[in-house]
Protein backbone atom coordinates (compact mmCIF):
# COMPACT_ATOMS: atom_id res chain seq x y z
CA UNK A 1 -0.14 0.25 0.12
CA UNK A 2 1.26 3.37 -1.07
CA UNK A 3 2.34 5.55 1.90
CA UNK A 4 -0.06 8.23 1.15
CA UNK A 5 -3.06 6.07 1.22
CA UNK A 6 -2.24 4.56 4.22
CA UNK A 7 -1.85 7.97 5.85
CA UNK A 8 -5.18 9.00 4.58
CA UNK A 9 -6.94 6.05 5.66
CA UNK A 10 -5.20 6.47 9.01
CA UNK A 11 -6.53 9.93 9.21
CA UNK A 12 -10.13 8.86 8.17
CA UNK A 13 -10.19 5.94 10.70
CA UNK A 14 -8.74 8.42 13.30
CA UNK A 15 -11.18 11.14 12.96
CA UNK A 16 -14.43 9.17 11.99
CA UNK A 17 -13.79 6.63 14.99
CA UNK A 18 -14.79 8.99 17.56
CA UNK A 19 -16.72 11.84 15.58
CA UNK A 20 -20.06 10.94 15.10
CA UNK A 21 -20.18 10.04 11.39
CA UNK A 22 -19.42 6.55 11.30
CA UNK A 23 -15.78 5.52 10.70
CA UNK A 24 -16.90 2.31 8.86
CA UNK A 25 -19.11 3.87 6.55
CA UNK A 26 -16.45 6.59 5.47
CA UNK A 27 -13.90 3.95 5.17
CA UNK A 28 -15.90 1.84 2.65
CA UNK A 29 -16.83 5.10 0.76
CA UNK A 30 -13.22 6.22 0.63
CA UNK A 31 -11.87 2.73 -0.55
CA UNK A 32 -14.54 2.72 -3.20
CA UNK A 33 -14.60 6.37 -4.72
CA UNK A 34 -10.89 7.01 -4.15
CA UNK A 35 -10.23 3.62 -5.89
CA UNK A 36 -8.44 2.27 -2.84
CA UNK A 37 -7.82 -1.44 -2.74
CA UNK A 38 -9.53 -2.98 0.14
CA UNK A 39 -6.72 -3.00 2.97
CA UNK A 40 -5.76 -6.39 4.40
CA UNK A 41 -7.03 -7.31 7.66
CA UNK A 42 -3.87 -6.30 9.33
CA UNK A 43 -3.76 -2.89 8.43
CA UNK A 44 -7.24 -2.82 9.56
CA UNK A 45 -6.69 -3.92 12.61
CA UNK A 46 -3.64 -1.74 13.08
CA UNK A 47 -5.36 1.35 12.23
CA UNK A 48 -7.89 0.63 15.09
CA UNK A 49 -5.24 0.20 17.55
CA UNK A 50 -4.16 3.80 16.58
CA UNK A 51 -7.60 5.02 17.75
CA UNK A 52 -7.22 2.79 20.63
CA UNK A 53 -4.13 4.17 21.78
CA UNK A 54 -5.48 7.75 21.37
CA UNK A 55 -8.64 7.11 23.47
CA UNK A 56 -6.22 5.50 26.13
CA UNK A 57 -3.92 8.34 26.30
CA UNK A 58 -6.50 10.79 26.71
CA UNK A 59 -8.76 9.08 29.38
CA UNK A 60 -5.66 7.58 31.10
CA UNK A 61 -6.53 9.38 34.54
CA UNK A 62 -10.30 8.33 34.41
CA UNK A 63 -9.04 4.85 33.54
CA UNK A 64 -6.20 4.66 36.30
CA UNK A 65 -8.95 5.96 38.77
CA UNK A 66 -11.30 3.39 37.69
CA UNK A 67 -8.77 0.35 37.95
CA UNK A 68 -7.43 1.86 41.44
CA UNK A 69 -11.19 1.10 42.83
CA UNK A 70 -11.48 -1.98 41.18
CA UNK A 71 -8.39 -3.36 42.95
CA UNK A 72 -9.44 -1.55 46.10
CA UNK A 73 -12.57 -3.57 46.36
CA UNK A 74 -12.80 -3.59 50.19
CA UNK A 75 -12.60 0.04 50.04
CA UNK A 76 -15.89 1.72 50.91
CA UNK A 77 -15.02 5.18 50.44
CA UNK A 78 -17.46 7.19 48.08
CA UNK A 79 -15.31 7.65 45.09
CA UNK A 80 -14.24 4.12 45.01
CA UNK A 81 -18.03 2.64 45.50
CA UNK A 82 -18.95 4.93 42.48
CA UNK A 83 -16.29 4.00 40.04
CA UNK A 84 -17.12 0.28 40.82
CA UNK A 85 -20.69 1.30 39.92
CA UNK A 86 -19.29 2.70 36.67
CA UNK A 87 -17.07 0.06 36.10
CA UNK A 88 -20.20 -2.65 36.31
CA UNK A 89 -22.44 -0.53 34.06
CA UNK A 90 -19.53 -0.68 31.34
CA UNK A 91 -19.08 -4.48 31.84
CA UNK A 92 -22.77 -4.90 31.33
CA UNK A 93 -22.92 -2.68 28.11
CA UNK A 94 -19.76 -4.57 26.64
CA UNK A 95 -21.18 -7.91 27.20
CA UNK A 96 -24.37 -6.94 25.73
CA UNK A 97 -22.67 -5.56 22.69
CA UNK A 98 -20.28 -8.38 22.66
CA UNK A 99 -22.99 -11.16 22.61
CA UNK A 100 -24.83 -9.60 19.80
CA UNK A 101 -21.74 -8.67 17.98
CA UNK A 102 -20.32 -12.24 18.10
CA UNK A 103 -23.64 -13.77 16.62
CA UNK A 104 -24.59 -10.92 14.12
CA UNK A 105 -21.47 -9.16 12.72
CA UNK A 106 -20.91 -11.64 10.02
CA UNK A 107 -24.43 -11.85 8.60
CA UNK A 108 -25.11 -8.44 8.81
CA UNK A 109 -22.00 -7.27 7.29
CA UNK A 110 -22.78 -9.62 4.50
CA UNK A 111 -26.26 -8.55 4.31
CA UNK A 112 -25.36 -4.81 4.21
CA UNK A 113 -22.29 -5.15 2.08
CA UNK A 114 -23.59 -3.08 -1.05
CA UNK A 115 -22.25 0.10 -1.37
CA UNK A 116 -25.48 2.06 -1.06
CA UNK A 117 -26.33 0.78 2.32
CA UNK A 118 -23.68 3.24 4.26
CA UNK A 119 -25.68 5.75 2.65
CA UNK A 120 -28.92 5.17 4.18
CA UNK A 121 -27.17 4.08 7.29
CA UNK A 122 -25.71 7.73 7.34
CA UNK A 123 -29.33 9.16 7.16
CA UNK A 124 -30.19 7.18 9.92
CA UNK A 125 -27.25 8.52 11.95
CA UNK A 126 -28.01 12.03 11.00
CA UNK A 127 -31.70 11.77 12.76
CA UNK A 128 -29.85 10.27 15.78
CA UNK A 129 -27.62 13.19 16.00
CA UNK A 130 -30.20 15.81 15.26
CA UNK A 131 -32.47 14.27 17.99
CA UNK A 132 -29.59 14.23 20.69
CA UNK A 133 -29.65 18.02 20.61
CA UNK A 134 -33.22 18.22 21.52
CA UNK A 135 -32.98 15.79 24.50
CA UNK A 136 -32.88 17.46 27.97
CA UNK A 137 -31.10 15.08 30.21
CA UNK A 138 -31.97 14.70 33.77
CA UNK A 139 -28.08 15.09 34.56
CA UNK A 140 -27.30 11.93 36.32
CA UNK A 141 -23.79 10.71 36.55
CA UNK A 142 -22.36 7.20 35.15
CA UNK A 143 -22.41 5.69 38.56
CA UNK A 144 -26.10 6.23 38.60
CA UNK A 145 -26.83 4.70 35.13
CA UNK A 146 -28.34 1.45 35.94
CA UNK A 147 -28.67 -1.88 34.50
CA UNK A 148 -31.47 -1.22 32.15
CA UNK A 149 -29.73 1.89 30.87
CA UNK A 150 -26.39 0.23 30.58
CA UNK A 151 -28.05 -2.92 28.43
CA UNK A 152 -29.67 0.08 26.16
CA UNK A 153 -26.42 1.63 25.54
CA UNK A 154 -24.80 -1.82 24.69
CA UNK A 155 -27.59 -2.58 22.25
CA UNK A 156 -27.20 0.35 20.17
CA UNK A 157 -23.50 0.10 20.39
CA UNK A 158 -23.97 -3.48 18.63
CA UNK A 159 -26.09 -1.67 15.97
CA UNK A 160 -23.15 0.18 14.95
CA UNK A 161 -21.83 -3.22 13.43
CA UNK A 162 -23.80 -1.59 10.40
CA UNK A 163 -21.52 0.42 8.07
CA UNK A 164 -22.70 4.11 8.44
CA UNK A 165 -24.06 3.91 11.73
CA UNK A 166 -21.95 5.91 14.22
CA UNK A 167 -20.91 3.96 17.34
CA UNK A 168 -20.03 7.38 19.15
CA UNK A 169 -22.99 9.22 17.80
CA UNK A 170 -25.50 6.47 18.95
CA UNK A 171 -24.05 5.49 22.26
CA UNK A 172 -23.85 9.20 23.09
CA UNK A 173 -27.27 10.02 22.27
CA UNK A 174 -28.85 6.97 24.13
CA UNK A 175 -26.71 7.94 27.27
CA UNK A 176 -28.39 11.48 26.66
CA UNK A 177 -31.58 9.68 26.46
CA UNK A 178 -30.93 7.75 29.58
CA UNK A 179 -30.53 10.95 31.83
CA UNK A 180 -26.64 10.88 31.57
CA UNK A 181 -25.17 14.70 31.74
CA UNK A 182 -24.16 15.31 28.50
CA UNK A 183 -20.32 15.53 29.03
CA UNK A 184 -20.75 12.29 31.06
CA UNK A 185 -22.62 10.59 27.96
CA UNK A 186 -19.59 11.68 25.83
CA UNK A 187 -17.03 10.10 28.38
CA UNK A 188 -18.83 6.82 28.75
CA UNK A 189 -19.00 6.53 25.24
CA UNK A 190 -15.47 7.08 24.85
CA UNK A 191 -14.28 4.81 27.61
CA UNK A 192 -16.81 2.03 26.42
CA UNK A 193 -15.09 2.28 23.15
CA UNK A 194 -11.76 0.48 24.62
CA UNK A 195 -13.49 -2.93 24.91
CA UNK A 196 -15.38 -2.60 21.84
CA UNK A 197 -12.58 -1.83 19.70
CA UNK A 198 -10.32 -4.50 20.99
CA UNK A 199 -13.56 -7.09 21.34
CA UNK A 200 -14.04 -6.26 17.42
CA UNK A 201 -10.29 -7.03 16.36
CA UNK A 202 -9.05 -9.48 19.30
CA UNK A 203 -9.77 -12.47 17.18
CA UNK A 204 -8.11 -10.93 14.08
CA UNK A 205 -4.90 -10.17 16.07
CA UNK A 206 -3.09 -13.29 14.64
CA UNK A 207 -3.03 -11.83 11.23
CA UNK A 208 -0.64 -9.37 12.57
CA UNK A 209 2.01 -11.89 12.64
CA UNK A 210 1.71 -12.48 8.72
CA UNK A 211 2.33 -8.52 7.96
CA UNK A 212 4.31 -7.84 4.95
CA UNK A 213 7.49 -6.29 6.10
CA UNK A 214 7.97 -4.44 2.88
CA UNK A 215 4.98 -2.28 4.02
CA UNK A 216 5.78 -1.59 7.63
CA UNK A 217 6.43 1.99 6.93
CA UNK A 218 2.92 2.31 5.45
CA UNK A 219 1.63 0.72 8.49
CA UNK A 220 3.47 2.83 11.06
CA UNK A 221 2.41 5.97 9.39
CA UNK A 222 -1.21 5.06 8.89
CA UNK A 223 -1.26 4.00 12.66
CA UNK A 224 0.17 7.20 13.78
CA UNK A 225 -1.98 9.11 11.77
CA UNK A 226 -5.15 7.67 13.25
CA UNK A 227 -3.56 8.30 16.77
CA UNK A 228 -2.74 11.83 16.18
CA UNK A 229 -6.22 12.37 14.46
CA UNK A 230 -8.02 10.47 17.01
CA UNK A 231 -6.61 12.22 19.93
CA UNK A 232 -7.16 15.57 18.47
CA UNK A 233 -10.76 15.03 17.87
CA UNK A 234 -11.72 13.62 21.25
CA UNK A 235 -11.77 17.03 23.24
CA UNK A 236 -13.41 18.70 20.29
CA UNK A 237 -16.49 16.29 20.36
CA UNK A 238 -17.11 16.64 24.12
CA UNK A 239 -17.34 20.37 23.59
CA UNK A 240 -19.72 19.90 20.84
CA UNK A 241 -21.70 17.73 22.75
CA UNK A 242 -21.83 19.92 25.69
CA UNK A 243 -22.63 22.97 23.60
CA UNK A 244 -25.46 20.82 21.90
CA UNK A 245 -23.91 21.52 18.26
CA UNK A 246 -24.35 17.73 16.87
CA UNK A 247 -26.88 18.89 14.48
CA UNK A 248 -23.82 20.13 12.45
CA UNK A 249 -22.73 16.51 11.95
CA UNK A 250 -26.17 15.60 11.31
CA UNK A 251 -26.31 17.88 8.22
CA UNK A 252 -22.67 16.52 7.26
CA UNK A 253 -24.19 12.91 7.18
CA UNK A 254 -27.09 13.74 5.39
CA UNK A 255 -24.73 15.88 2.68
CA UNK A 256 -22.39 12.46 2.29
CA UNK A 257 -25.44 10.44 1.89
CA UNK A 258 -26.92 12.48 -0.68
CA UNK A 259 -23.75 12.79 -2.71
CA UNK A 260 -23.05 9.29 -2.30
CA UNK A 261 -26.57 8.12 -3.57
CA UNK A 262 -26.32 10.22 -6.37
CA UNK A 263 -22.86 8.95 -7.70
CA UNK A 264 -24.16 5.61 -6.97
CA UNK A 265 -26.93 6.12 -9.22
CA UNK A 266 -25.05 7.70 -11.87
CA UNK A 267 -22.27 5.23 -11.78
């Protein structure tokens, strides 16, 4: 793979993994309309690892605090109890996503592999984002989320298997709908992405052993591009969510969907 293409796909992956516009949908469209060959599975995994490192670095303090409370399981201080509640709700949502993803990822991706499908899914993503700005959350914190609401967030995260459906957009919106403070909903969504990204790719990690050494430079630069672009947009998105400006991403999703459909029908 050419270095330019690797870096461009890395930037697209990093930006769209966390911006509520669907990374899978944009990668599918980029590969088709920019005439990129489908990247091999090893490159796809490495790009996701770049995004994973970005969220791990950005939220390292939150993650450290959660892990500390997990190991201090006998400590009854309020902060540790609240953190353990948050961990439990993250596990509930992750388990739901994992079970559904395990059984439905392959049939769904095959059934919705046609090029125009991401366009329709982007339209749906647009409506989800538009609605999110209209919701007035009750302002609860993640440790107050509850099992039922955690299950609901896990369900919509699994739905993001479909190319064109934004994982961050759906989980943030449902988090707000469940009553989470807007910033809390965004943070919960980002931290929830860690096991989601790992789970979606862990069974493919063995393919990394078969990396074409002649392409290492492209792989490394693509991963670095995904990491840098991913890290850059996290703070930006949290600000956008807090200011109720997701409707602008909704408009973007609709425009991309319409343009793609026109090109699909024309050619």
